Amino acid sequence: MFRRLILEHWMSLFTLVAFSTALSIYLTCAWRALRMPREQRERFARLPLADDETTQRKS
């Protein structure tokens, strides 16, 4: 099936650019998370993930 596809050499550039973009976004997010100050991490850890009202209805 894939033998019928006509792929030019320059078309691999799109794949490389897409992968590089995704990798750079992931690494940037990971770097910022690792370099976050302790106070900010603790503040994020205390954030509520659900409303009390929503939690009570499910119980």
N, C-alpha and C. Protein backbone atom coordinates (compact mmCIF):
# COMPACT_ATOMS: atom_id res chain seq x y z
N MET A 1 0.82 -1.18 0.00
CA MET A 1 0.00 0.00 0.00
C MET A 1 0.87 1.26 0.00
N PHE A 2 1.88 1.31 0.84
CA PHE A 2 2.72 2.49 0.93
C PHE A 2 3.71 2.59 -0.23
N ARG A 3 3.87 1.54 -0.98
CA ARG A 3 4.78 1.60 -2.12
C ARG A 3 4.20 2.48 -3.23
N ARG A 4 2.89 2.67 -3.23
CA ARG A 4 2.27 3.51 -4.26
C ARG A 4 2.38 4.99 -3.95
N LEU A 5 2.74 5.35 -2.71
CA LEU A 5 2.91 6.75 -2.36
C LEU A 5 4.21 7.27 -2.95
N ILE A 6 4.11 8.42 -3.53
CA ILE A 6 5.30 9.05 -4.10
C ILE A 6 5.77 10.11 -3.11
N LEU A 7 6.84 9.84 -2.42
CA LEU A 7 7.37 10.77 -1.43
C LEU A 7 8.68 11.35 -1.94
N GLU A 8 8.75 12.64 -1.91
CA GLU A 8 9.98 13.32 -2.29
C GLU A 8 10.87 13.45 -1.05
N HIS A 9 12.14 13.63 -1.29
CA HIS A 9 13.08 13.75 -0.18
C HIS A 9 12.79 14.99 0.67
N TRP A 10 12.37 16.09 0.06
CA TRP A 10 12.13 17.32 0.78
C TRP A 10 10.90 17.23 1.68
N MET A 11 10.04 16.25 1.44
CA MET A 11 8.83 16.10 2.25
C MET A 11 9.15 15.64 3.68
N SER A 12 10.28 15.02 3.87
CA SER A 12 10.67 14.63 5.22
C SER A 12 10.97 15.84 6.09
N LEU A 13 11.19 16.98 5.47
CA LEU A 13 11.42 18.21 6.21
C LEU A 13 10.21 18.57 7.07
N PHE A 14 8.99 18.36 6.55
CA PHE A 14 7.79 18.67 7.32
C PHE A 14 7.70 17.81 8.58
N THR A 15 8.04 16.56 8.47
CA THR A 15 8.03 15.67 9.63
C THR A 15 9.07 16.11 10.66
N LEU A 16 10.22 16.47 10.19
CA LEU A 16 11.28 16.92 11.08
C LEU A 16 10.91 18.23 11.79
N VAL A 17 10.31 19.15 11.07
CA VAL A 17 9.90 20.41 11.68
C VAL A 17 8.79 20.18 12.70
N ALA A 18 7.82 19.34 12.40
CA ALA A 18 6.74 19.05 13.34
C ALA A 18 7.27 18.38 14.60
N PHE A 19 8.15 17.41 14.44
CA PHE A 19 8.73 16.74 15.60
C PHE A 19 9.56 17.71 16.44
N SER A 20 10.35 18.55 15.79
CA SER A 20 11.18 19.52 16.52
C SER A 20 10.31 20.51 17.28
N THR A 21 9.22 20.94 16.68
CA THR A 21 8.32 21.88 17.35
C THR A 21 7.70 21.24 18.58
N ALA A 22 7.17 20.03 18.43
CA ALA A 22 6.55 19.33 19.56
C ALA A 22 7.57 19.07 20.67
N LEU A 23 8.76 18.66 20.31
CA LEU A 23 9.80 18.39 21.29
C LEU A 23 10.20 19.66 22.03
N SER A 24 10.33 20.75 21.31
CA SER A 24 10.74 21.99 21.98
C SER A 24 9.65 22.49 22.93
N ILE A 25 8.38 22.34 22.57
CA ILE A 25 7.30 22.74 23.47
C ILE A 25 7.30 21.87 24.72
N TYR A 26 7.45 20.57 24.56
CA TYR A 26 7.49 19.65 25.69
C TYR A 26 8.68 19.97 26.61
N LEU A 27 9.85 20.14 26.04
CA LEU A 27 11.03 20.42 26.85
C LEU A 27 10.93 21.76 27.56
N THR A 28 10.32 22.75 26.92
CA THR A 28 10.13 24.05 27.57
C THR A 28 9.21 23.93 28.77
N CYS A 29 8.11 23.20 28.61
CA CYS A 29 7.18 23.00 29.73
C CYS A 29 7.85 22.23 30.86
N ALA A 30 8.59 21.20 30.53
CA ALA A 30 9.28 20.42 31.55
C ALA A 30 10.34 21.26 32.26
N TRP A 31 11.09 22.06 31.52
CA TRP A 31 12.13 22.90 32.11
C TRP A 31 11.53 23.93 33.06
N ARG A 32 10.43 24.55 32.64
CA ARG A 32 9.78 25.54 33.50
C ARG A 32 9.21 24.89 34.75
N ALA A 33 8.69 23.67 34.64
CA ALA A 33 8.16 22.98 35.81
C ALA A 33 9.28 22.61 36.78
N LEU A 34 10.40 22.19 36.26
CA LEU A 34 11.52 21.82 37.12
C LEU A 34 12.18 23.03 37.78
N ARG A 35 12.15 24.17 37.13
CA ARG A 35 12.80 25.37 37.65
C ARG A 35 11.85 26.24 38.48
N MET A 36 10.63 25.77 38.72
CA MET A 36 9.63 26.55 39.46
C MET A 36 10.06 26.70 40.92
N PRO A 37 9.90 27.88 41.49
CA PRO A 37 10.25 28.08 42.89
C PRO A 37 9.37 27.23 43.82
N ARG A 38 9.91 26.91 44.98
CA ARG A 38 9.22 26.04 45.94
C ARG A 38 7.87 26.63 46.36
N GLU A 39 7.81 27.93 46.58
CA GLU A 39 6.55 28.56 47.02
C GLU A 39 5.46 28.39 45.96
N GLN A 40 5.83 28.53 44.72
CA GLN A 40 4.84 28.39 43.65
C GLN A 40 4.38 26.94 43.52
N ARG A 41 5.30 25.99 43.69
CA ARG A 41 4.91 24.57 43.65
C ARG A 41 3.94 24.25 44.77
N GLU A 42 4.22 24.76 45.96
CA GLU A 42 3.34 24.50 47.10
C GLU A 42 1.97 25.15 46.89
N ARG A 43 1.96 26.34 46.29
CA ARG A 43 0.67 27.01 46.02
C ARG A 43 -0.13 26.21 44.99
N PHE A 44 0.52 25.70 43.95
CA PHE A 44 -0.17 24.89 42.96
C PHE A 44 -0.66 23.57 43.56
N ALA A 45 0.09 23.02 44.51
CA ALA A 45 -0.32 21.76 45.14
C ALA A 45 -1.58 21.94 45.98
N ARG A 46 -1.80 23.14 46.49
CA ARG A 46 -2.98 23.40 47.32
C ARG A 46 -4.21 23.80 46.51
N LEU A 47 -4.09 23.98 45.21
CA LEU A 47 -5.24 24.38 44.40
C LEU A 47 -6.30 23.27 44.38
N PRO A 48 -7.56 23.64 44.53
CA PRO A 48 -8.61 22.62 44.46
C PRO A 48 -8.81 22.18 43.01
N LEU A 49 -8.98 20.89 42.82
CA LEU A 49 -9.17 20.36 41.47
C LEU A 49 -10.64 20.19 41.11
N ALA A 50 -11.52 20.22 42.12
CA ALA A 50 -12.96 20.09 41.87
C ALA A 50 -13.69 20.97 42.88
N ASP A 51 -14.87 21.41 42.50
CA ASP A 51 -15.69 22.18 43.42
C ASP A 51 -16.22 21.27 44.52
N ASP A 52 -16.43 21.83 45.69
CA ASP A 52 -17.00 21.05 46.79
C ASP A 52 -18.40 20.58 46.43
N GLU A 53 -19.14 21.40 45.72
CA GLU A 53 -20.50 21.07 45.32
C GLU A 53 -20.51 19.86 44.38
N THR A 54 -19.61 19.82 43.45
CA THR A 54 -19.52 18.71 42.51
C THR A 54 -19.11 17.42 43.23
N THR A 55 -18.20 17.54 44.17
CA THR A 55 -17.73 16.38 44.91
C THR A 55 -18.84 15.80 45.78
N GLN A 56 -19.65 16.64 46.37
CA GLN A 56 -20.74 16.17 47.24
C GLN A 56 -21.83 15.47 46.44
N ARG A 57 -22.11 15.92 45.24
CA ARG A 57 -23.14 15.29 44.42
C ARG A 57 -22.75 13.87 44.02
N LYS A 58 -21.48 13.63 43.75
CA LYS A 58 -21.03 12.31 43.31
C LYS A 58 -21.00 11.31 44.45
N SER A 59 -20.86 11.79 45.68
CA SER A 59 -20.72 10.87 46.83
C SER A 59 -22.05 10.27 47.20
